[in-house]
Amino acid sequence: MHAQTTDTDGDGIPDVTDVDSDNDGIPDCVERGVTGNMTDKFSVNSDAVQVYDDPTGTPATYQYQVQLTPNENNKRGQIWSRSTIDFANSFTLTFQAYLGKNDGSGADGIAAVFHNDPDGINATGVDGYGIGAIGIKYGIILELDTYYNGKNWNTPPLGDVILDDIEEDHGMIRDSDDYTQTGIITPAVSLGNIEDNKWHNVIITWNATTKTLKYEVELGNNTYITAGEATFTDIVRDYFNGASKVRFGYTASTGGLTNDQRIKFVDLCRDFPDELDTDGDGIPDHLDLDSDNDGCPDSLEGGDNVTPQMILPNGRIDIANQGGIDSNGVPVIVNPGHAADVDGQVAQGIGASKDKYVTAGCACLKDPQTTGNALPVNFGITSLGRAKSNDTTGWPMARKGAWMALEAQSKGFVVNRIPTTAEVEGIANPQQGMMVYDQEAKCLKIYVLSNTANPAEGGKWKCLQYKACPDNSFMTP
């Protein structure tokens, strides 16, 4: 479970309630990829469909809702997370389940599933007694079973499957692809009647320290019952085929008996604990100050006009000197009417913060490191109309210690594109400072002499990979 007192950005608001936990001005939900639809986080398959009504008759207030099956015969639906949940860390997952209103004549229930099936978001299990989940490879099922199928079932394609059902609506934890008695991880627990035309809160917790998985179901009047609880020796090895990061989702099915079966999240961003990590550095994007690892802070690459003067050396917005934060933990400077605001919205958008090929806001105009008397730059290309001739104080001569100077604010500079590295190396009589784009190496290359005192020794084509501001002294053009 997430620590309730963790405050990553030190702004006095715990991460659990902080809209912007790293103070880069971009909301956590935006950095986690939640924009308003279940399809942001889940692949919705078969008969499942995102819906906006409420079957109980209460005005719908949740946009994160999926109908897994309509109240019709022989339907099946499943949704799977596009990202993964990491069992190396503790987590809490909260959702609501609606099992229909056909008590006594309804079927078959909903299953919450963690899996590492090679079919990924296309994984499917057996309908009917399997609730669309039994048969999925390398997984664990948490059942909300509403039909009594007996103690076992023997039909294709799985053959004899041990179920150990009880007549009441019930919960159970089981192995998704072990159909023997050992596949029953926890015994069936009666949930009374959950086909009661009501939404039921379900809380799933994983404690990575004790290796305990538990889920609780709300039966009404804020009364919860533990539907299943199990402690594992090695859940990753024994059930997920060695993967700690697995997909999560829901399945449901109907057969001869039916029910309208749905799930929903009150707050998809906070109730679903998956993580996006664009650069794969182990820090989730909503806590990573440089999500794409391009050397340019997310705060500068976001959708508003945050400038280097507004941030700290680590990339966080300098809230102490830039107006502080609002009551939700968002730096005021990116809110409507303030200095960095562009779109008139609270916080800033994602901008180019996840695009490693773009370093918006991080242009550098620092002079190159030189020793002695730096020579002026005698060659330049500008789109700003300020080139001078015979003037050592003008542009580009005022720039020192470079072969050429390039400048533009809204135009790109196109150099010769050469398909292969071999063709670049084969250029006849290359000269110091020549520049080409190597399409195979995917980089801009410049020819550098190995020994400037003796050009006859030749040189090498080298990729331009690093900015001239390695000390993070970002400067805007």
Protein backbone atom coordinates (compact mmCIF):
# COMPACT_ATOMS: atom_id res chain seq x y z
CA MET A 1 0.00 0.00 0.00
CA HIS A 2 1.16 3.50 -0.74
CA ALA A 3 2.51 5.44 2.21
CA GLN A 4 0.02 8.13 3.14
CA THR A 5 2.73 10.59 4.21
CA THR A 6 5.13 10.43 1.24
CA ASP A 7 5.67 13.94 -0.14
CA THR A 8 7.96 13.62 -3.15
CA ASP A 9 8.19 17.32 -3.98
CA GLY A 10 8.27 18.54 -0.36
CA ASP A 11 5.47 21.05 -0.85
CA GLY A 12 3.57 19.97 2.26
CA ILE A 13 0.88 18.00 0.41
CA PRO A 14 1.24 14.18 0.55
CA ASP A 15 1.48 12.43 -2.81
CA VAL A 16 -1.79 10.62 -2.16
CA THR A 17 -3.70 13.93 -2.41
CA ASP A 18 -1.20 15.99 -4.44
CA VAL A 19 -2.43 16.64 -8.00
CA ASP A 20 1.17 17.32 -9.08
CA SER A 21 3.46 15.16 -6.93
CA ASP A 22 6.74 16.32 -8.49
CA ASN A 23 5.95 20.04 -9.01
CA ASP A 24 6.72 20.08 -12.71
CA GLY A 25 3.37 21.74 -13.35
CA ILE A 26 1.95 18.70 -15.18
CA PRO A 27 -0.79 16.83 -13.26
CA ASP A 28 -0.01 13.27 -12.20
CA CYS A 29 -3.07 11.98 -14.06
CA VAL A 30 -1.88 13.53 -17.31
CA GLU A 31 1.60 12.07 -16.85
CA ARG A 32 0.01 8.68 -16.11
CA GLY A 33 -1.93 8.82 -19.37
CA VAL A 34 -5.45 9.34 -18.00
CA THR A 35 -7.42 11.82 -20.11
CA GLY A 36 -11.04 10.83 -19.55
CA ASN A 37 -11.77 7.41 -21.06
CA MET A 38 -11.38 3.82 -19.91
CA THR A 39 -9.61 3.17 -23.20
CA ASP A 40 -6.76 5.38 -21.95
CA LYS A 41 -5.82 2.54 -19.62
CA PHE A 42 -7.64 -0.55 -20.88
CA SER A 43 -8.18 -2.47 -24.08
CA VAL A 44 -11.96 -3.13 -24.21
CA ASN A 45 -12.71 -6.42 -26.01
CA SER A 46 -15.45 -8.76 -27.25
CA ASP A 47 -18.93 -7.72 -25.98
CA ALA A 48 -17.53 -5.25 -23.45
CA VAL A 49 -18.23 -1.58 -24.10
CA GLN A 50 -17.59 1.72 -22.31
CA VAL A 51 -20.91 3.14 -21.04
CA TYR A 52 -22.11 6.29 -19.32
CA ASP A 53 -25.53 5.36 -17.95
CA ASP A 54 -26.21 3.79 -14.55
CA PRO A 55 -28.23 0.56 -14.33
CA THR A 56 -29.40 1.29 -10.78
CA GLY A 57 -31.32 4.37 -11.90
CA THR A 58 -28.99 6.77 -10.12
CA PRO A 59 -27.80 9.62 -12.37
CA ALA A 60 -24.45 8.59 -13.84
CA THR A 61 -21.50 10.51 -12.43
CA TYR A 62 -18.65 8.22 -13.45
CA GLN A 63 -17.09 8.25 -16.89
CA TYR A 64 -14.77 5.33 -16.12
CA GLN A 65 -17.33 2.55 -16.53
CA VAL A 66 -17.45 -0.57 -18.70
CA GLN A 67 -20.35 -2.94 -19.28
CA LEU A 68 -18.68 -6.35 -19.53
CA THR A 69 -21.84 -8.17 -20.61
CA PRO A 70 -25.35 -6.98 -21.47
CA ASN A 71 -28.32 -8.80 -19.95
CA GLU A 72 -28.36 -11.23 -22.87
CA ASN A 73 -27.57 -14.89 -23.46
CA ASN A 74 -24.13 -16.16 -24.42
CA LYS A 75 -22.17 -12.93 -24.09
CA ARG A 76 -18.59 -12.42 -23.01
CA GLY A 77 -16.45 -9.39 -22.36
CA GLN A 78 -13.03 -8.56 -21.02
CA ILE A 79 -10.81 -5.53 -20.55
CA TRP A 80 -7.04 -5.63 -20.04
CA SER A 81 -4.63 -2.96 -18.87
CA ARG A 82 -2.40 -1.50 -21.57
CA SER A 83 0.39 -1.11 -19.02
CA THR A 84 1.38 -3.34 -16.11
CA ILE A 85 1.16 -3.54 -12.33
CA ASP A 86 4.41 -4.39 -10.53
CA PHE A 87 4.22 -7.08 -7.84
CA ALA A 88 7.68 -6.03 -6.66
CA ASN A 89 5.89 -3.14 -4.95
CA SER A 90 2.90 -3.00 -2.62
CA PHE A 91 -0.29 -1.54 -4.07
CA THR A 92 -3.99 -0.97 -3.48
CA LEU A 93 -6.52 -1.22 -6.29
CA THR A 94 -10.09 -0.01 -5.78
CA PHE A 95 -13.09 -0.42 -8.10
CA GLN A 96 -16.84 -0.98 -8.05
CA ALA A 97 -18.68 -4.01 -9.42
CA TYR A 98 -22.28 -4.32 -10.57
CA LEU A 99 -23.45 -7.94 -10.84
CA GLY A 100 -26.98 -7.29 -12.17
CA LYS A 101 -30.40 -7.82 -10.59
CA ASN A 102 -31.38 -11.34 -11.69
CA ASP A 103 -30.93 -13.04 -8.34
CA GLY A 104 -31.62 -16.76 -8.58
CA SER A 105 -31.80 -16.68 -12.36
CA GLY A 106 -28.64 -14.79 -13.20
CA ALA A 107 -25.10 -15.71 -14.20
CA ASP A 108 -22.17 -15.93 -14.29
CA GLY A 109 -20.22 -13.24 -12.47
CA ILE A 110 -17.13 -11.06 -12.79
CA ALA A 111 -13.48 -12.00 -12.33
CA ALA A 112 -10.59 -9.65 -11.57
CA VAL A 113 -7.44 -11.13 -13.11
CA PHE A 114 -3.68 -10.57 -12.94
CA HIS A 115 -1.87 -12.40 -15.74
CA ASN A 116 1.25 -12.79 -17.85
CA ASP A 117 -0.44 -14.60 -20.74
CA PRO A 118 1.57 -14.32 -23.99
CA ASP A 119 -1.64 -13.13 -25.67
CA GLY A 120 -1.48 -9.97 -23.57
CA ILE A 121 -4.49 -7.71 -24.15
CA ASN A 122 -6.08 -10.43 -26.30
CA ALA A 123 -6.07 -13.11 -23.59
CA THR A 124 -9.35 -15.01 -23.18
CA GLY A 125 -10.61 -17.77 -20.91
CA VAL A 126 -13.57 -20.13 -20.85
CA ASP A 127 -17.11 -18.75 -20.63
CA GLY A 128 -19.80 -20.00 -18.29
CA TYR A 129 -18.24 -21.70 -15.29
CA GLY A 130 -14.89 -20.05 -16.13
CA ILE A 131 -16.36 -16.50 -16.06
CA GLY A 132 -14.11 -15.80 -19.05
CA ALA A 133 -10.99 -16.19 -16.88
CA ILE A 134 -10.24 -19.89 -16.29
CA GLY A 135 -7.85 -20.99 -19.02
CA ILE A 136 -5.81 -17.78 -19.19
CA LYS A 137 -2.11 -18.60 -18.88
CA TYR A 138 0.10 -17.56 -15.97
CA GLY A 139 -2.54 -15.78 -13.93
CA ILE A 140 -4.47 -15.43 -10.70
CA ILE A 141 -8.25 -14.98 -10.57
CA LEU A 142 -10.25 -13.13 -7.90
CA GLU A 143 -13.84 -14.25 -8.41
CA LEU A 144 -17.19 -12.58 -7.86
CA ASP A 145 -19.08 -15.73 -8.83
CA THR A 146 -22.89 -15.55 -9.03
CA TYR A 147 -23.75 -19.06 -10.26
CA TYR A 148 -23.42 -22.48 -8.67
CA ASN A 149 -21.67 -24.82 -11.12
CA GLY A 150 -21.07 -27.64 -8.66
CA LYS A 151 -17.77 -29.09 -7.51
CA ASN A 152 -16.32 -29.78 -10.93
CA TRP A 153 -17.03 -29.38 -14.64
CA ASN A 154 -15.96 -31.63 -17.46
CA THR A 155 -16.39 -30.14 -20.93
CA PRO A 156 -14.11 -29.11 -23.78
CA PRO A 157 -11.75 -27.44 -24.18
CA LEU A 158 -10.29 -27.84 -20.67
CA GLY A 159 -11.71 -31.21 -19.65
CA ASP A 160 -12.18 -31.90 -15.94
CA VAL A 161 -11.94 -28.66 -13.94
CA ILE A 162 -12.22 -28.57 -10.15
CA LEU A 163 -14.48 -25.64 -9.16
CA ASP A 164 -15.41 -26.18 -5.49
CA ASP A 165 -18.35 -23.78 -5.90
CA ILE A 166 -20.91 -23.10 -3.20
CA GLU A 167 -24.56 -22.27 -3.85
CA GLU A 168 -24.37 -18.67 -2.62
CA ASP A 169 -22.78 -15.85 -4.57
CA HIS A 170 -19.15 -16.21 -3.55
CA GLY A 171 -15.55 -15.11 -3.73
CA MET A 172 -12.48 -17.29 -4.32
CA ILE A 173 -8.84 -16.88 -5.36
CA ARG A 174 -7.64 -19.47 -7.85
CA ASP A 175 -4.89 -20.23 -10.36
CA SER A 176 -6.09 -19.39 -13.87
CA ASP A 177 -4.42 -22.36 -15.59
CA ASP A 178 -4.29 -25.08 -12.92
CA TYR A 179 -7.59 -26.94 -13.09
CA THR A 180 -6.85 -29.40 -10.27
CA GLN A 181 -7.53 -29.07 -6.56
CA THR A 182 -4.17 -27.33 -6.11
CA GLY A 183 -5.45 -24.55 -8.36
CA ILE A 184 -7.90 -23.50 -5.63
CA ILE A 185 -5.81 -20.99 -3.67
CA THR A 186 -8.53 -19.95 -1.20
CA PRO A 187 -11.88 -21.66 -0.50
CA ALA A 188 -15.20 -20.18 -1.58
CA VAL A 189 -16.52 -17.43 0.73
CA SER A 190 -20.23 -16.58 0.73
CA LEU A 191 -21.04 -13.02 -0.31
CA GLY A 192 -24.77 -13.36 0.24
CA ASN A 193 -26.73 -11.77 -2.60
CA ILE A 194 -24.64 -9.44 -4.76
CA GLU A 195 -27.06 -9.63 -7.72
CA ASP A 196 -29.05 -6.91 -5.98
CA ASN A 197 -29.05 -4.06 -8.51
CA LYS A 198 -26.36 -2.24 -6.51
CA TRP A 199 -22.75 -1.25 -6.97
CA HIS A 200 -20.32 -2.99 -4.62
CA ASN A 201 -16.94 -1.53 -3.68
CA VAL A 202 -14.05 -3.97 -4.10
CA ILE A 203 -10.61 -3.33 -2.61
CA ILE A 204 -7.61 -5.42 -3.72
CA THR A 205 -4.37 -5.10 -1.75
CA TRP A 206 -0.95 -6.60 -2.33
CA ASN A 207 1.68 -6.40 0.41
CA ALA A 208 5.05 -7.00 -1.21
CA THR A 209 6.75 -7.43 2.16
CA THR A 210 4.50 -10.18 3.50
CA LYS A 211 3.61 -11.40 -0.03
CA THR A 212 -0.08 -11.33 0.85
CA LEU A 213 -2.87 -10.78 -1.67
CA LYS A 214 -6.33 -9.90 -0.35
CA TYR A 215 -9.61 -8.63 -1.71
CA GLU A 216 -12.58 -7.28 0.19
CA VAL A 217 -16.15 -6.80 -1.05
CA GLU A 218 -18.58 -4.24 0.32
CA LEU A 219 -21.96 -5.87 0.99
CA GLY A 220 -23.89 -2.72 1.91
CA ASN A 221 -23.92 -0.09 4.65
CA ASN A 222 -20.14 0.15 4.38
CA THR A 223 -19.80 -3.45 5.62
CA TYR A 224 -16.92 -5.37 4.05
CA ILE A 225 -16.13 -9.06 3.93
CA THR A 226 -12.80 -10.62 2.98
CA ALA A 227 -13.60 -12.64 -0.13
CA GLY A 228 -10.13 -14.16 -0.31
CA GLU A 229 -6.71 -13.77 1.31
CA ALA A 230 -3.54 -15.72 0.54
CA THR A 231 0.15 -15.47 1.39
CA PHE A 232 2.54 -16.73 -1.28
CA THR A 233 6.05 -18.12 -1.18
CA ASP A 234 6.93 -16.68 -4.60
CA ILE A 235 3.94 -15.40 -6.57
CA VAL A 236 6.12 -14.19 -9.44
CA ARG A 237 7.82 -17.55 -9.96
CA ASP A 238 4.88 -19.82 -9.20
CA TYR A 239 2.06 -18.01 -10.97
CA PHE A 240 3.39 -15.32 -13.34
CA ASN A 241 6.12 -17.31 -15.10
CA GLY A 242 8.87 -15.15 -13.58
CA ALA A 243 7.44 -11.72 -14.43
CA SER A 244 6.82 -9.24 -11.60
CA LYS A 245 5.09 -6.79 -13.96
CA VAL A 246 1.80 -8.24 -15.16
CA ARG A 247 -1.41 -7.13 -16.81
CA PHE A 248 -4.62 -6.63 -14.89
CA GLY A 249 -8.22 -6.67 -16.02
CA TYR A 250 -11.75 -7.98 -15.74
CA THR A 251 -13.73 -10.72 -17.43
CA ALA A 252 -17.41 -11.70 -17.36
CA SER A 253 -19.72 -14.01 -19.26
CA THR A 254 -23.32 -15.18 -19.57
CA GLY A 255 -24.83 -18.37 -20.95
CA GLY A 256 -28.36 -19.72 -20.61
CA LEU A 257 -28.80 -17.34 -17.66
CA THR A 258 -27.88 -13.68 -17.85
CA ASN A 259 -27.08 -10.44 -16.05
CA ASP A 260 -25.99 -6.93 -16.91
CA GLN A 261 -22.44 -6.97 -15.45
CA ARG A 262 -20.23 -3.90 -15.11
CA ILE A 263 -17.19 -2.40 -13.41
CA LYS A 264 -16.27 1.23 -12.82
CA PHE A 265 -13.67 3.43 -11.17
CA VAL A 266 -14.58 6.49 -9.14
CA ASP A 267 -11.13 7.95 -9.92
CA LEU A 268 -9.19 5.97 -12.50
CA CYS A 269 -5.99 7.91 -11.89
CA ARG A 270 -5.82 7.25 -8.15
CA ASP A 271 -7.64 3.93 -7.88
CA PHE A 272 -5.69 2.05 -10.56
CA PRO A 273 -2.03 1.68 -9.52
CA ASP A 274 -0.28 1.10 -12.83
CA GLU A 275 2.75 3.20 -13.72
CA LEU A 276 4.05 4.72 -16.94
CA ASP A 277 7.83 4.97 -17.22
CA THR A 278 8.62 6.48 -20.62
CA ASP A 279 12.42 6.31 -20.34
CA GLY A 280 12.57 3.02 -18.42
CA ASP A 281 14.71 4.44 -15.62
CA GLY A 282 12.59 2.94 -12.85
CA ILE A 283 10.99 6.27 -11.90
CA PRO A 284 7.32 6.59 -12.91
CA ASP A 285 6.60 9.57 -15.14
CA HIS A 286 4.50 11.39 -12.55
CA LEU A 287 7.50 11.44 -10.19
CA ASP A 288 10.22 11.76 -12.86
CA LEU A 289 11.47 15.30 -13.51
CA ASP A 290 12.77 14.23 -16.95
CA SER A 291 10.35 11.57 -18.17
CA ASP A 292 11.99 11.03 -21.56
CA ASN A 293 15.60 11.36 -20.36
CA ASP A 294 16.48 13.93 -23.02
CA GLY A 295 18.25 16.19 -20.53
CA CYS A 296 15.48 18.78 -20.57
CA PRO A 297 13.16 18.97 -17.53
CA ASP A 298 9.47 18.16 -17.95
CA SER A 299 8.64 21.53 -16.40
CA LEU A 300 10.19 23.32 -19.41
CA GLU A 301 8.81 20.86 -21.97
CA GLY A 302 5.20 21.06 -20.74
CA GLY A 303 2.43 22.83 -22.62
CA ASP A 304 2.71 26.21 -20.87
CA ASN A 305 5.52 28.76 -21.03
CA VAL A 306 7.67 27.84 -18.03
CA THR A 307 11.14 29.35 -18.45
CA PRO A 308 14.51 28.34 -16.94
CA GLN A 309 14.34 31.31 -14.58
CA MET A 310 11.22 29.76 -13.00
CA ILE A 311 12.71 26.40 -12.05
CA LEU A 312 15.21 24.94 -9.61
CA PRO A 313 18.41 23.18 -10.75
CA ASN A 314 16.69 19.79 -10.32
CA GLY A 315 13.90 20.79 -12.72
CA ARG A 316 11.08 21.43 -10.24
CA ILE A 317 9.21 24.71 -10.49
CA ASP A 318 10.62 27.11 -7.90
CA ILE A 319 7.42 27.48 -5.90
CA ALA A 320 9.15 29.50 -3.17
CA ASN A 321 9.83 32.35 -5.61
CA GLN A 322 7.09 31.79 -8.20
CA GLY A 323 3.84 32.18 -6.29
CA GLY A 324 3.68 28.91 -4.37
CA ILE A 325 1.10 26.19 -4.99
CA ASP A 326 -2.69 26.05 -5.00
CA SER A 327 -4.71 23.95 -2.56
CA ASN A 328 -4.26 20.85 -4.75
CA GLY A 329 -0.49 21.09 -4.98
CA VAL A 330 -0.26 22.62 -8.47
CA PRO A 331 2.34 25.42 -8.90
CA VAL A 332 0.37 28.66 -9.19
CA ILE A 333 2.55 29.97 -12.00
CA VAL A 334 0.96 27.55 -14.52
CA ASN A 335 -2.61 28.39 -13.48
CA PRO A 336 -4.90 30.85 -15.30
CA GLY A 337 -3.76 34.45 -15.25
CA HIS A 338 -0.23 33.75 -14.06
CA ALA A 339 3.13 34.25 -15.72
CA ALA A 340 3.60 30.85 -17.39
CA ASP A 341 -0.03 30.17 -18.33
CA VAL A 342 -0.78 29.74 -22.02
CA ASP A 343 -4.03 27.76 -22.30
CA GLY A 344 -6.10 29.30 -19.52
CA GLN A 345 -6.30 25.92 -17.76
CA VAL A 346 -5.18 24.82 -14.31
CA ALA A 347 -1.69 23.23 -14.59
CA GLN A 348 0.05 22.62 -17.91
CA GLY A 349 -0.32 19.95 -20.56
CA ILE A 350 2.09 17.16 -21.43
CA GLY A 351 3.79 19.16 -24.21
CA ALA A 352 7.01 17.49 -25.40
CA SER A 353 7.90 16.02 -22.00
CA LYS A 354 7.58 12.44 -23.27
CA ASP A 355 9.31 13.01 -26.64
CA LYS A 356 13.03 12.32 -26.33
CA TYR A 357 13.68 13.79 -29.76
CA VAL A 358 12.41 17.23 -28.74
CA THR A 359 14.02 19.44 -26.09
CA ALA A 360 11.52 22.29 -26.09
CA GLY A 361 12.56 25.20 -23.92
CA CYS A 362 16.14 24.01 -23.42
CA ALA A 363 18.05 25.83 -26.15
CA CYS A 364 21.54 26.89 -25.13
CA LEU A 365 23.37 30.08 -26.05
CA LYS A 366 26.40 29.64 -23.79
CA ASP A 367 29.75 30.31 -25.41
CA PRO A 368 31.87 27.20 -26.05
CA GLN A 369 34.77 26.52 -23.72
CA THR A 370 37.91 28.17 -25.13
CA THR A 371 41.46 28.88 -24.08
CA GLY A 372 43.57 31.80 -25.17
CA ASN A 373 42.12 34.20 -27.72
CA ALA A 374 38.97 32.66 -29.18
CA LEU A 375 38.61 33.18 -32.91
CA PRO A 376 35.41 34.71 -34.28
CA VAL A 377 32.90 32.62 -36.18
CA ASN A 378 33.21 33.63 -39.82
CA PHE A 379 30.36 31.55 -41.22
CA GLY A 380 26.74 31.50 -40.16
CA ILE A 381 23.20 30.94 -41.37
CA THR A 382 20.40 33.00 -39.85
CA SER A 383 16.68 33.34 -40.45
CA LEU A 384 16.52 36.42 -38.22
CA GLY A 385 17.97 38.87 -40.75
CA ARG A 386 20.82 40.16 -38.61
CA ALA A 387 23.93 38.98 -40.47
CA LYS A 388 26.71 41.58 -40.64
CA SER A 389 29.81 41.87 -42.82
CA ASN A 390 33.20 43.25 -41.89
CA ASP A 391 32.02 43.87 -38.33
CA THR A 392 33.71 41.91 -35.56
CA THR A 393 30.95 42.86 -33.12
CA GLY A 394 28.10 41.71 -35.35
CA TRP A 395 26.61 38.32 -36.03
CA PRO A 396 28.07 35.73 -36.44
CA MET A 397 31.54 37.15 -35.72
CA ALA A 398 30.54 37.99 -32.15
CA ARG A 399 30.17 34.26 -31.51
CA LYS A 400 33.52 32.76 -30.64
CA GLY A 401 35.28 29.44 -31.02
CA ALA A 402 33.02 27.61 -33.50
CA TRP A 403 33.12 26.60 -37.14
CA MET A 404 29.67 27.93 -37.86
CA ALA A 405 26.70 29.53 -36.12
CA LEU A 406 23.08 28.68 -36.90
CA GLU A 407 20.04 30.50 -35.59
CA ALA A 408 16.31 30.42 -36.15
CA GLN A 409 13.15 30.68 -34.10
CA SER A 410 10.58 29.09 -36.40
CA LYS A 411 12.54 27.42 -39.19
CA GLY A 412 14.52 24.22 -39.39
CA PHE A 413 18.01 23.75 -40.83
CA VAL A 414 18.31 20.94 -43.39
CA VAL A 415 21.66 19.28 -44.00
CA ASN A 416 22.61 16.58 -46.48
CA ARG A 417 21.07 13.24 -45.49
CA ILE A 418 23.24 10.22 -46.26
CA PRO A 419 21.59 6.76 -46.07
CA THR A 420 24.39 4.68 -44.52
CA THR A 421 27.35 5.09 -42.20
CA ALA A 422 29.57 3.46 -44.82
CA GLU A 423 28.68 6.19 -47.32
CA VAL A 424 29.49 8.86 -44.75
CA GLU A 425 32.87 7.27 -44.08
CA GLY A 426 33.44 7.09 -47.84
CA ILE A 427 33.16 10.84 -48.46
CA ALA A 428 36.24 11.88 -50.42
CA ASN A 429 38.49 14.56 -48.98
CA PRO A 430 36.40 15.49 -45.91
CA GLN A 431 37.23 18.81 -44.28
CA GLN A 432 37.22 19.80 -40.63
CA GLY A 433 33.77 21.09 -39.68
CA MET A 434 31.87 19.37 -42.51
CA MET A 435 28.44 18.25 -41.32
CA VAL A 436 26.02 15.58 -42.58
CA TYR A 437 23.07 13.59 -41.22
CA ASP A 438 23.76 9.84 -40.99
CA GLN A 439 20.36 8.17 -41.51
CA GLU A 440 21.63 4.75 -40.39
CA ALA A 441 23.16 6.08 -37.16
CA LYS A 442 20.25 8.52 -36.74
CA CYS A 443 22.49 11.41 -35.76
CA LEU A 444 24.04 14.62 -37.00
CA LYS A 445 27.76 14.08 -37.65
CA ILE A 446 30.64 16.50 -37.90
CA TYR A 447 34.13 15.76 -39.23
CA VAL A 448 36.83 16.36 -36.62
CA LEU A 449 40.59 16.19 -37.24
CA SER A 450 42.50 13.79 -35.03
CA ASN A 451 45.40 16.25 -34.81
CA THR A 452 44.71 19.84 -35.78
CA ALA A 453 48.45 20.52 -35.93
CA ASN A 454 48.82 17.89 -38.63
CA PRO A 455 45.68 17.64 -40.83
CA ALA A 456 47.40 15.00 -42.93
CA GLU A 457 46.71 12.48 -40.14
CA GLY A 458 43.04 12.67 -41.05
CA GLY A 459 40.09 12.59 -38.69
CA LYS A 460 36.77 10.98 -37.79
CA TRP A 461 33.05 11.54 -38.29
CA LYS A 462 31.52 11.99 -34.85
CA CYS A 463 27.88 12.18 -33.75
CA LEU A 464 26.74 15.38 -32.07
CA GLN A 465 25.10 13.83 -29.02
CA TYR A 466 25.42 16.31 -26.18
CA LYS A 467 24.16 19.82 -25.60
CA ALA A 468 26.61 22.59 -24.73
CA CYS A 469 24.94 23.10 -21.34
CA PRO A 470 25.84 19.96 -19.36
CA ASP A 471 25.55 21.84 -16.07
CA ASN A 472 21.77 22.21 -16.59
CA SER A 473 22.09 25.98 -16.98
CA PHE A 474 19.21 26.02 -19.43
CA MET A 475 18.73 29.16 -21.45
CA THR A 476 15.92 30.17 -23.78
CA PRO A 477 16.62 31.61 -27.23
